[in-house]
Amino acid sequence: MARWKKPTKDEILENRQTLAERARTGDLRLPGAVSEIRKGFGMTQEEFAKTLALTRRQVAEIEAGVANPTLETLERIGRLFGFSVGYIPKGR
């Protein structure tokens, strides 16, 4: 499988801003957010897992929505992108 090009610092910042706006509007859910954070850094699941002291399988399961990650794991993932774990009020 071909790897994509690593994003620049500006692209990472733009990805973060896009995800933050989606979170503010309630249009961001955990599995998709984790995948987008990882891809926003241009990392494979293996690289992302290593950065977070997880296994590739754990990352894959979180991204697939079948895992039940701990709060600590969610906080480590969010911290990479400058996010914190919390509730977002529904706008609808």
PDB file of N, CA and C in Angstrom:
ATOM      1  N   MET A   1       0.846  -1.172   0.000  1.00  0.00           N
ATOM      2  CA  MET A   1       0.000   0.000   0.000  1.00  0.00           C
ATOM      3  C   MET A   1       0.898   1.244   0.000  1.00  0.00           C
ATOM      4  N   ALA A   2       0.588   2.178  -0.852  1.00  0.00           N
ATOM      5  CA  ALA A   2       1.362   3.403  -0.947  1.00  0.00           C
ATOM      6  C   ALA A   2       1.062   4.309   0.247  1.00  0.00           C
ATOM      7  N   ARG A   3       2.115   4.929   0.753  1.00  0.00           N
ATOM      8  CA  ARG A   3       1.936   5.877   1.853  1.00  0.00           C
ATOM      9  C   ARG A   3       1.683   7.255   1.297  1.00  0.00           C
ATOM     10  N   TRP A   4       0.891   8.011   2.018  1.00  0.00           N
ATOM     11  CA  TRP A   4       0.637   9.365   1.583  1.00  0.00           C
ATOM     12  C   TRP A   4       1.750  10.257   2.084  1.00  0.00           C
ATOM     13  N   LYS A   5       1.831  11.424   1.527  1.00  0.00           N
ATOM     14  CA  LYS A   5       2.852  12.394   1.894  1.00  0.00           C
ATOM     15  C   LYS A   5       2.560  12.963   3.282  1.00  0.00           C
ATOM     16  N   LYS A   6       3.595  13.098   4.089  1.00  0.00           N
ATOM     17  CA  LYS A   6       3.436  13.696   5.415  1.00  0.00           C
ATOM     18  C   LYS A   6       2.971  15.140   5.252  1.00  0.00           C
ATOM     19  N   PRO A   7       1.987  15.552   6.047  1.00  0.00           N
ATOM     20  CA  PRO A   7       1.515  16.932   5.939  1.00  0.00           C
ATOM     21  C   PRO A   7       2.540  17.922   6.495  1.00  0.00           C
ATOM     22  N   THR A   8       2.476  19.128   5.993  1.00  0.00           N
ATOM     23  CA  THR A   8       3.330  20.198   6.508  1.00  0.00           C
ATOM     24  C   THR A   8       2.750  20.692   7.830  1.00  0.00           C
ATOM     25  N   LYS A   9       3.517  21.524   8.528  1.00  0.00           N
ATOM     26  CA  LYS A   9       3.013  22.094   9.780  1.00  0.00           C
ATOM     27  C   LYS A   9       1.752  22.919   9.533  1.00  0.00           C
ATOM     28  N   ASP A  10       1.721  23.633   8.412  1.00  0.00           N
ATOM     29  CA  ASP A  10       0.528  24.421   8.084  1.00  0.00           C
ATOM     30  C   ASP A  10      -0.676  23.514   7.827  1.00  0.00           C
ATOM     31  N   GLU A  11      -0.455  22.399   7.152  1.00  0.00           N
ATOM     32  CA  GLU A  11      -1.544  21.461   6.881  1.00  0.00           C
ATOM     33  C   GLU A  11      -2.037  20.825   8.175  1.00  0.00           C
ATOM     34  N   ILE A  12      -1.133  20.511   9.088  1.00  0.00           N
ATOM     35  CA  ILE A  12      -1.525  19.953  10.387  1.00  0.00           C
ATOM     36  C   ILE A  12      -2.381  20.967  11.143  1.00  0.00           C
ATOM     37  N   LEU A  13      -1.973  22.240  11.128  1.00  0.00           N
ATOM     38  CA  LEU A  13      -2.742  23.286  11.793  1.00  0.00           C
ATOM     39  C   LEU A  13      -4.124  23.421  11.157  1.00  0.00           C
ATOM     40  N   GLU A  14      -4.178  23.384   9.840  1.00  0.00           N
ATOM     41  CA  GLU A  14      -5.467  23.477   9.147  1.00  0.00           C
ATOM     42  C   GLU A  14      -6.359  22.285   9.489  1.00  0.00           C
ATOM     43  N   ASN A  15      -5.777  21.081   9.535  1.00  0.00           N
ATOM     44  CA  ASN A  15      -6.538  19.890   9.917  1.00  0.00           C
ATOM     45  C   ASN A  15      -7.093  20.036  11.325  1.00  0.00           C
ATOM     46  N   ARG A  16      -6.270  20.549  12.236  1.00  0.00           N
ATOM     47  CA  ARG A  16      -6.698  20.732  13.628  1.00  0.00           C
ATOM     48  C   ARG A  16      -7.860  21.712  13.699  1.00  0.00           C
ATOM     49  N   GLN A  17      -7.758  22.822  12.965  1.00  0.00           N
ATOM     50  CA  GLN A  17      -8.813  23.826  12.986  1.00  0.00           C
ATOM     51  C   GLN A  17     -10.117  23.266  12.415  1.00  0.00           C
ATOM     52  N   THR A  18     -10.010  22.479  11.355  1.00  0.00           N
ATOM     53  CA  THR A  18     -11.192  21.865  10.751  1.00  0.00           C
ATOM     54  C   THR A  18     -11.866  20.915  11.734  1.00  0.00           C
ATOM     55  N   LEU A  19     -11.060  20.065  12.394  1.00  0.00           N
ATOM     56  CA  LEU A  19     -11.622  19.136  13.376  1.00  0.00           C
ATOM     57  C   LEU A  19     -12.223  19.878  14.560  1.00  0.00           C
ATOM     58  N   ALA A  20     -11.573  20.944  15.003  1.00  0.00           N
ATOM     59  CA  ALA A  20     -12.096  21.719  16.137  1.00  0.00           C
ATOM     60  C   ALA A  20     -13.450  22.326  15.786  1.00  0.00           C
ATOM     61  N   GLU A  21     -13.580  22.828  14.582  1.00  0.00           N
ATOM     62  CA  GLU A  21     -14.862  23.400  14.165  1.00  0.00           C
ATOM     63  C   GLU A  21     -15.938  22.313  14.087  1.00  0.00           C
ATOM     64  N   ARG A  22     -15.581  21.159  13.566  1.00  0.00           N
ATOM     65  CA  ARG A  22     -16.549  20.057  13.509  1.00  0.00           C
ATOM     66  C   ARG A  22     -16.959  19.629  14.914  1.00  0.00           C
ATOM     67  N   ALA A  23     -16.018  19.636  15.863  1.00  0.00           N
ATOM     68  CA  ALA A  23     -16.354  19.283  17.247  1.00  0.00           C
ATOM     69  C   ALA A  23     -17.312  20.315  17.829  1.00  0.00           C
ATOM     70  N   ARG A  24     -17.045  21.594  17.570  1.00  0.00           N
ATOM     71  CA  ARG A  24     -17.913  22.669  18.088  1.00  0.00           C
ATOM     72  C   ARG A  24     -19.336  22.559  17.562  1.00  0.00           C
ATOM     73  N   THR A  25     -19.480  22.099  16.335  1.00  0.00           N
ATOM     74  CA  THR A  25     -20.817  21.992  15.744  1.00  0.00           C
ATOM     75  C   THR A  25     -21.468  20.642  16.008  1.00  0.00           C
ATOM     76  N   GLY A  26     -20.767  19.764  16.730  1.00  0.00           N
ATOM     77  CA  GLY A  26     -21.325  18.446  17.043  1.00  0.00           C
ATOM     78  C   GLY A  26     -21.270  17.470  15.888  1.00  0.00           C
ATOM     79  N   ASP A  27     -20.433  17.752  14.905  1.00  0.00           N
ATOM     80  CA  ASP A  27     -20.333  16.920  13.711  1.00  0.00           C
ATOM     81  C   ASP A  27     -19.092  16.021  13.738  1.00  0.00           C
ATOM     82  N   LEU A  28     -18.632  15.642  14.907  1.00  0.00           N
ATOM     83  CA  LEU A  28     -17.426  14.831  15.021  1.00  0.00           C
ATOM     84  C   LEU A  28     -17.672  13.734  16.042  1.00  0.00           C
ATOM     85  N   ARG A  29     -17.488  12.504  15.638  1.00  0.00           N
ATOM     86  CA  ARG A  29     -17.686  11.356  16.521  1.00  0.00           C
ATOM     87  C   ARG A  29     -16.362  10.638  16.724  1.00  0.00           C
ATOM     88  N   LEU A  30     -16.234   9.938  17.810  1.00  0.00           N
ATOM     89  CA  LEU A  30     -14.969   9.337  18.223  1.00  0.00           C
ATOM     90  C   LEU A  30     -14.249   8.536  17.143  1.00  0.00           C
ATOM     91  N   PRO A  31     -14.856   7.510  16.563  1.00  0.00           N
ATOM     92  CA  PRO A  31     -14.071   6.725  15.598  1.00  0.00           C
ATOM     93  C   PRO A  31     -13.510   7.572  14.457  1.00  0.00           C
ATOM     94  N   GLY A  32     -14.348   8.423  13.898  1.00  0.00           N
ATOM     95  CA  GLY A  32     -13.895   9.275  12.809  1.00  0.00           C
ATOM     96  C   GLY A  32     -12.854  10.286  13.256  1.00  0.00           C
ATOM     97  N   ALA A  33     -13.007  10.811  14.465  1.00  0.00           N
ATOM     98  CA  ALA A  33     -12.060  11.793  14.980  1.00  0.00           C
ATOM     99  C   ALA A  33     -10.679  11.185  15.136  1.00  0.00           C
ATOM    100  N   VAL A  34     -10.608   9.984  15.680  1.00  0.00           N
ATOM    101  CA  VAL A  34      -9.314   9.333  15.884  1.00  0.00           C
ATOM    102  C   VAL A  34      -8.636   9.088  14.539  1.00  0.00           C
ATOM    103  N   SER A  35      -9.388   8.594  13.595  1.00  0.00           N
ATOM    104  CA  SER A  35      -8.843   8.350  12.263  1.00  0.00           C
ATOM    105  C   SER A  35      -8.367   9.649  11.623  1.00  0.00           C
ATOM    106  N   GLU A  36      -9.150  10.697  11.738  1.00  0.00           N
ATOM    107  CA  GLU A  36      -8.775  11.972  11.129  1.00  0.00           C
ATOM    108  C   GLU A  36      -7.580  12.613  11.827  1.00  0.00           C
ATOM    109  N   ILE A  37      -7.482  12.474  13.143  1.00  0.00           N
ATOM    110  CA  ILE A  37      -6.308  12.985  13.857  1.00  0.00           C
ATOM    111  C   ILE A  37      -5.060  12.257  13.357  1.00  0.00           C
ATOM    112  N   ARG A  38      -5.154  10.940  13.286  1.00  0.00           N
ATOM    113  CA  ARG A  38      -4.015  10.141  12.815  1.00  0.00           C
ATOM    114  C   ARG A  38      -3.628  10.538  11.398  1.00  0.00           C
ATOM    115  N   LYS A  39      -4.601  10.593  10.515  1.00  0.00           N
ATOM    116  CA  LYS A  39      -4.325  10.943   9.120  1.00  0.00           C
ATOM    117  C   LYS A  39      -3.871  12.395   8.989  1.00  0.00           C
ATOM    118  N   GLY A  40      -4.347  13.245   9.897  1.00  0.00           N
ATOM    119  CA  GLY A  40      -3.930  14.642   9.898  1.00  0.00           C
ATOM    120  C   GLY A  40      -2.451  14.813  10.143  1.00  0.00           C
ATOM    121  N   PHE A  41      -1.854  13.842  10.833  1.00  0.00           N
ATOM    122  CA  PHE A  41      -0.413  13.834  11.056  1.00  0.00           C
ATOM    123  C   PHE A  41       0.327  13.025   9.995  1.00  0.00           C
ATOM    124  N   GLY A  42      -0.422  12.392   9.092  1.00  0.00           N
ATOM    125  CA  GLY A  42       0.209  11.575   8.056  1.00  0.00           C
ATOM    126  C   GLY A  42       0.819  10.304   8.617  1.00  0.00           C
ATOM    127  N   MET A  43       0.195   9.749   9.661  1.00  0.00           N
ATOM    128  CA  MET A  43       0.722   8.552  10.307  1.00  0.00           C
ATOM    129  C   MET A  43      -0.070   7.312   9.917  1.00  0.00           C
ATOM    130  N   THR A  44       0.634   6.195   9.860  1.00  0.00           N
ATOM    131  CA  THR A  44      -0.036   4.911   9.719  1.00  0.00           C
ATOM    132  C   THR A  44      -0.603   4.534  11.079  1.00  0.00           C
ATOM    133  N   GLN A  45      -1.460   3.519  11.099  1.00  0.00           N
ATOM    134  CA  GLN A  45      -1.971   3.047  12.390  1.00  0.00           C
ATOM    135  C   GLN A  45      -0.814   2.572  13.270  1.00  0.00           C
ATOM    136  N   GLU A  46       0.163   1.936  12.678  1.00  0.00           N
ATOM    137  CA  GLU A  46       1.324   1.432  13.425  1.00  0.00           C
ATOM    138  C   GLU A  46       2.103   2.587  14.067  1.00  0.00           C
ATOM    139  N   GLU A  47       2.371   3.632  13.302  1.00  0.00           N
ATOM    140  CA  GLU A  47       3.103   4.794  13.828  1.00  0.00           C
ATOM    141  C   GLU A  47       2.306   5.490  14.926  1.00  0.00           C
ATOM    142  N   PHE A  48       1.015   5.642  14.696  1.00  0.00           N
ATOM    143  CA  PHE A  48       0.143   6.292  15.667  1.00  0.00           C
ATOM    144  C   PHE A  48       0.107   5.488  16.965  1.00  0.00           C
ATOM    145  N   ALA A  49      -0.020   4.178  16.829  1.00  0.00           N
ATOM    146  CA  ALA A  49      -0.052   3.296  17.995  1.00  0.00           C
ATOM    147  C   ALA A  49       1.235   3.416  18.803  1.00  0.00           C
ATOM    148  N   LYS A  50       2.361   3.420  18.122  1.00  0.00           N
ATOM    149  CA  LYS A  50       3.655   3.509  18.801  1.00  0.00           C
ATOM    150  C   LYS A  50       3.774   4.830  19.563  1.00  0.00           C
ATOM    151  N   THR A  51       3.319   5.916  18.949  1.00  0.00           N
ATOM    152  CA  THR A  51       3.355   7.237  19.580  1.00  0.00           C
ATOM    153  C   THR A  51       2.535   7.254  20.873  1.00  0.00           C
ATOM    154  N   LEU A  52       1.437   6.508  20.883  1.00  0.00           N
ATOM    155  CA  LEU A  52       0.519   6.509  22.026  1.00  0.00           C
ATOM    156  C   LEU A  52       0.712   5.331  22.978  1.00  0.00           C
ATOM    157  N   ALA A  53       1.717   4.510  22.720  1.00  0.00           N
ATOM    158  CA  ALA A  53       1.963   3.306  23.521  1.00  0.00           C
ATOM    159  C   ALA A  53       0.755   2.365  23.480  1.00  0.00           C
ATOM    160  N   LEU A  54       0.190   2.218  22.283  1.00  0.00           N
ATOM    161  CA  LEU A  54      -0.910   1.286  22.047  1.00  0.00           C
ATOM    162  C   LEU A  54      -0.452   0.273  21.003  1.00  0.00           C
ATOM    163  N   THR A  55      -1.298  -0.706  20.751  1.00  0.00           N
ATOM    164  CA  THR A  55      -1.018  -1.628  19.654  1.00  0.00           C
ATOM    165  C   THR A  55      -1.751  -1.144  18.411  1.00  0.00           C
ATOM    166  N   ARG A  56      -1.309  -1.591  17.242  1.00  0.00           N
ATOM    167  CA  ARG A  56      -1.990  -1.227  16.004  1.00  0.00           C
ATOM    168  C   ARG A  56      -3.420  -1.732  16.039  1.00  0.00           C
ATOM    169  N   ARG A  57      -3.612  -2.897  16.625  1.00  0.00           N
ATOM    170  CA  ARG A  57      -4.963  -3.453  16.718  1.00  0.00           C
ATOM    171  C   ARG A  57      -5.873  -2.561  17.557  1.00  0.00           C
ATOM    172  N   GLN A  58      -5.360  -2.026  18.656  1.00  0.00           N
ATOM    173  CA  GLN A  58      -6.170  -1.131  19.485  1.00  0.00           C
ATOM    174  C   GLN A  58      -6.583   0.106  18.693  1.00  0.00           C
ATOM    175  N   VAL A  59      -5.660   0.677  17.944  1.00  0.00           N
ATOM    176  CA  VAL A  59      -5.976   1.847  17.126  1.00  0.00           C
ATOM    177  C   VAL A  59      -7.030   1.477  16.086  1.00  0.00           C
ATOM    178  N   ALA A  60      -6.843   0.345  15.424  1.00  0.00           N
ATOM    179  CA  ALA A  60      -7.801  -0.093  14.399  1.00  0.00           C
ATOM    180  C   ALA A  60      -9.188  -0.287  15.003  1.00  0.00           C
ATOM    181  N   GLU A  61      -9.258  -0.871  16.191  1.00  0.00           N
ATOM    182  CA  GLU A  61     -10.553  -1.099  16.835  1.00  0.00           C
ATOM    183  C   GLU A  61     -11.212   0.207  17.272  1.00  0.00           C
ATOM    184  N   ILE A  62     -10.420   1.165  17.744  1.00  0.00           N
ATOM    185  CA  ILE A  62     -10.969   2.470  18.114  1.00  0.00           C
ATOM    186  C   ILE A  62     -11.531   3.143  16.865  1.00  0.00           C
ATOM    187  N   GLU A  63     -10.756   3.115  15.774  1.00  0.00           N
ATOM    188  CA  GLU A  63     -11.199   3.751  14.534  1.00  0.00           C
ATOM    189  C   GLU A  63     -12.426   3.064  13.940  1.00  0.00           C
ATOM    190  N   ALA A  64     -12.560   1.775  14.183  1.00  0.00           N
ATOM    191  CA  ALA A  64     -13.713   1.036  13.668  1.00  0.00           C
ATOM    192  C   ALA A  64     -14.942   1.191  14.567  1.00  0.00           C
ATOM    193  N   GLY A  65     -14.755   1.774  15.738  1.00  0.00           N
ATOM    194  CA  GLY A  65     -15.868   1.976  16.651  1.00  0.00           C
ATOM    195  C   GLY A  65     -16.250   0.737  17.440  1.00  0.00           C
ATOM    196  N   VAL A  66     -15.346  -0.241  17.522  1.00  0.00           N
ATOM    197  CA  VAL A  66     -15.657  -1.468  18.260  1.00  0.00           C
ATOM    198  C   VAL A  66     -14.904  -1.567  19.585  1.00  0.00           C
ATOM    199  N   ALA A  67     -14.017  -0.612  19.853  1.00  0.00           N
ATOM    200  CA  ALA A  67     -13.247  -0.629  21.095  1.00  0.00           C
ATOM    201  C   ALA A  67     -13.941   0.230  22.146  1.00  0.00           C
ATOM    202  N   ASN A  68     -13.547   0.037  23.373  1.00  0.00           N
ATOM    203  CA  ASN A  68     -14.035   0.844  24.479  1.00  0.00           C
ATOM    204  C   ASN A  68     -12.804   1.427  25.183  1.00  0.00           C
ATOM    205  N   PRO A  69     -12.196   2.478  24.574  1.00  0.00           N
ATOM    206  CA  PRO A  69     -10.946   3.011  25.128  1.00  0.00           C
ATOM    207  C   PRO A  69     -11.160   3.674  26.485  1.00  0.00           C
ATOM    208  N   THR A  70     -10.115   3.650  27.292  1.00  0.00           N
ATOM    209  CA  THR A  70     -10.181   4.304  28.598  1.00  0.00           C
ATOM    210  C   THR A  70     -10.114   5.815  28.415  1.00  0.00           C
ATOM    211  N   LEU A  71     -10.510   6.531  29.435  1.00  0.00           N
ATOM    212  CA  LEU A  71     -10.420   7.986  29.416  1.00  0.00           C
ATOM    213  C   LEU A  71      -8.969   8.408  29.209  1.00  0.00           C
ATOM    214  N   GLU A  72      -8.054   7.723  29.853  1.00  0.00           N
ATOM    215  CA  GLU A  72      -6.624   8.040  29.707  1.00  0.00           C
ATOM    216  C   GLU A  72      -6.186   7.930  28.245  1.00  0.00           C
ATOM    217  N   THR A  73      -6.622   6.882  27.562  1.00  0.00           N
ATOM    218  CA  THR A  73      -6.275   6.708  26.151  1.00  0.00           C
ATOM    219  C   THR A  73      -6.873   7.827  25.311  1.00  0.00           C
ATOM    220  N   LEU A  74      -8.129   8.163  25.560  1.00  0.00           N
ATOM    221  CA  LEU A  74      -8.774   9.243  24.817  1.00  0.00           C
ATOM    222  C   LEU A  74      -8.057  10.573  25.050  1.00  0.00           C
ATOM    223  N   GLU A  75      -7.624  10.806  26.277  1.00  0.00           N
ATOM    224  CA  GLU A  75      -6.908  12.041  26.580  1.00  0.00           C
ATOM    225  C   GLU A  75      -5.560  12.093  25.861  1.00  0.00           C
ATOM    226  N   ARG A  76      -4.855  10.962  25.801  1.00  0.00           N
ATOM    227  CA  ARG A  76      -3.567  10.927  25.090  1.00  0.00           C
ATOM    228  C   ARG A  76      -3.763  11.207  23.609  1.00  0.00           C
ATOM    229  N   ILE A  77      -4.816  10.625  23.018  1.00  0.00           N
ATOM    230  CA  ILE A  77      -5.094  10.854  21.603  1.00  0.00           C
ATOM    231  C   ILE A  77      -5.419  12.332  21.369  1.00  0.00           C
ATOM    232  N   GLY A  78      -6.308  12.878  22.164  1.00  0.00           N
ATOM    233  CA  GLY A  78      -6.712  14.273  22.003  1.00  0.00           C
ATOM    234  C   GLY A  78      -5.569  15.249  22.207  1.00  0.00           C
ATOM    235  N   ARG A  79      -4.712  14.959  23.167  1.00  0.00           N
ATOM    236  CA  ARG A  79      -3.589  15.838  23.485  1.00  0.00           C
ATOM    237  C   ARG A  79      -2.685  16.061  22.271  1.00  0.00           C
ATOM    238  N   LEU A  80      -2.552  15.043  21.423  1.00  0.00           N
ATOM    239  CA  LEU A  80      -1.721  15.176  20.231  1.00  0.00           C
ATOM    240  C   LEU A  80      -2.172  16.327  19.347  1.00  0.00           C
ATOM    241  N   PHE A  81      -3.463  16.586  19.324  1.00  0.00           N
ATOM    242  CA  PHE A  81      -4.025  17.610  18.441  1.00  0.00           C
ATOM    243  C   PHE A  81      -4.458  18.842  19.229  1.00  0.00           C
ATOM    244  N   GLY A  82      -4.128  18.883  20.517  1.00  0.00           N
ATOM    245  CA  GLY A  82      -4.503  20.028  21.341  1.00  0.00           C
ATOM    246  C   GLY A  82      -5.948  20.004  21.782  1.00  0.00           C
ATOM    247  N   PHE A  83      -6.558  18.817  21.825  1.00  0.00           N
ATOM    248  CA  PHE A  83      -7.949  18.664  22.242  1.00  0.00           C
ATOM    249  C   PHE A  83      -8.002  18.080  23.649  1.00  0.00           C
ATOM    250  N   SER A  84      -9.128  18.288  24.309  1.00  0.00           N
ATOM    251  CA  SER A  84      -9.386  17.631  25.587  1.00  0.00           C
ATOM    252  C   SER A  84     -10.701  16.873  25.449  1.00  0.00           C
ATOM    253  N   VAL A  85     -10.877  15.914  26.324  1.00  0.00           N
ATOM    254  CA  VAL A  85     -12.090  15.101  26.292  1.00  0.00           C
ATOM    255  C   VAL A  85     -13.174  15.835  27.059  1.00  0.00           C
ATOM    256  N   GLY A  86     -14.364  15.885  26.493  1.00  0.00           N
ATOM    257  CA  GLY A  86     -15.466  16.561  27.167  1.00  0.00           C
ATOM    258  C   GLY A  86     -16.756  16.361  26.415  1.00  0.00           C
ATOM    259  N   TYR A  87     -17.785  16.936  26.946  1.00  0.00           N
ATOM    260  CA  TYR A  87     -19.103  16.868  26.329  1.00  0.00           C
ATOM    261  C   TYR A  87     -19.322  18.101  25.460  1.00  0.00           C
ATOM    262  N   ILE A  88     -19.964  17.896  24.352  1.00  0.00           N
ATOM    263  CA  ILE A  88     -20.341  18.987  23.456  1.00  0.00           C
ATOM    264  C   ILE A  88     -21.872  19.035  23.452  1.00  0.00           C
ATOM    265  N   PRO A  89     -22.453  20.187  23.783  1.00  0.00           N
ATOM    266  CA  PRO A  89     -23.920  20.248  23.783  1.00  0.00           C
ATOM    267  C   PRO A  89     -24.468  20.096  22.365  1.00  0.00           C
ATOM    268  N   LYS A  90     -25.568  19.408  22.275  1.00  0.00           N
ATOM    269  CA  LYS A  90     -26.221  19.254  20.990  1.00  0.00           C
ATOM    270  C   LYS A  90     -26.856  20.570  20.594  1.00  0.00           C
ATOM    271  N   GLY A  91     -26.692  20.938  19.338  1.00  0.00           N
ATOM    272  CA  GLY A  91     -27.252  22.187  18.863  1.00  0.00           C
ATOM    273  C   GLY A  91     -28.646  22.010  18.297  1.00  0.00           C
ATOM    274  N   ARG A  92     -29.114  20.789  18.282  1.00  0.00           N
ATOM    275  CA  ARG A  92     -30.418  20.508  17.655  1.00  0.00           C
ATOM    276  C   ARG A  92     -31.458  20.237  18.682  1.00  0.00           C
TER     277      ARG A  92
END
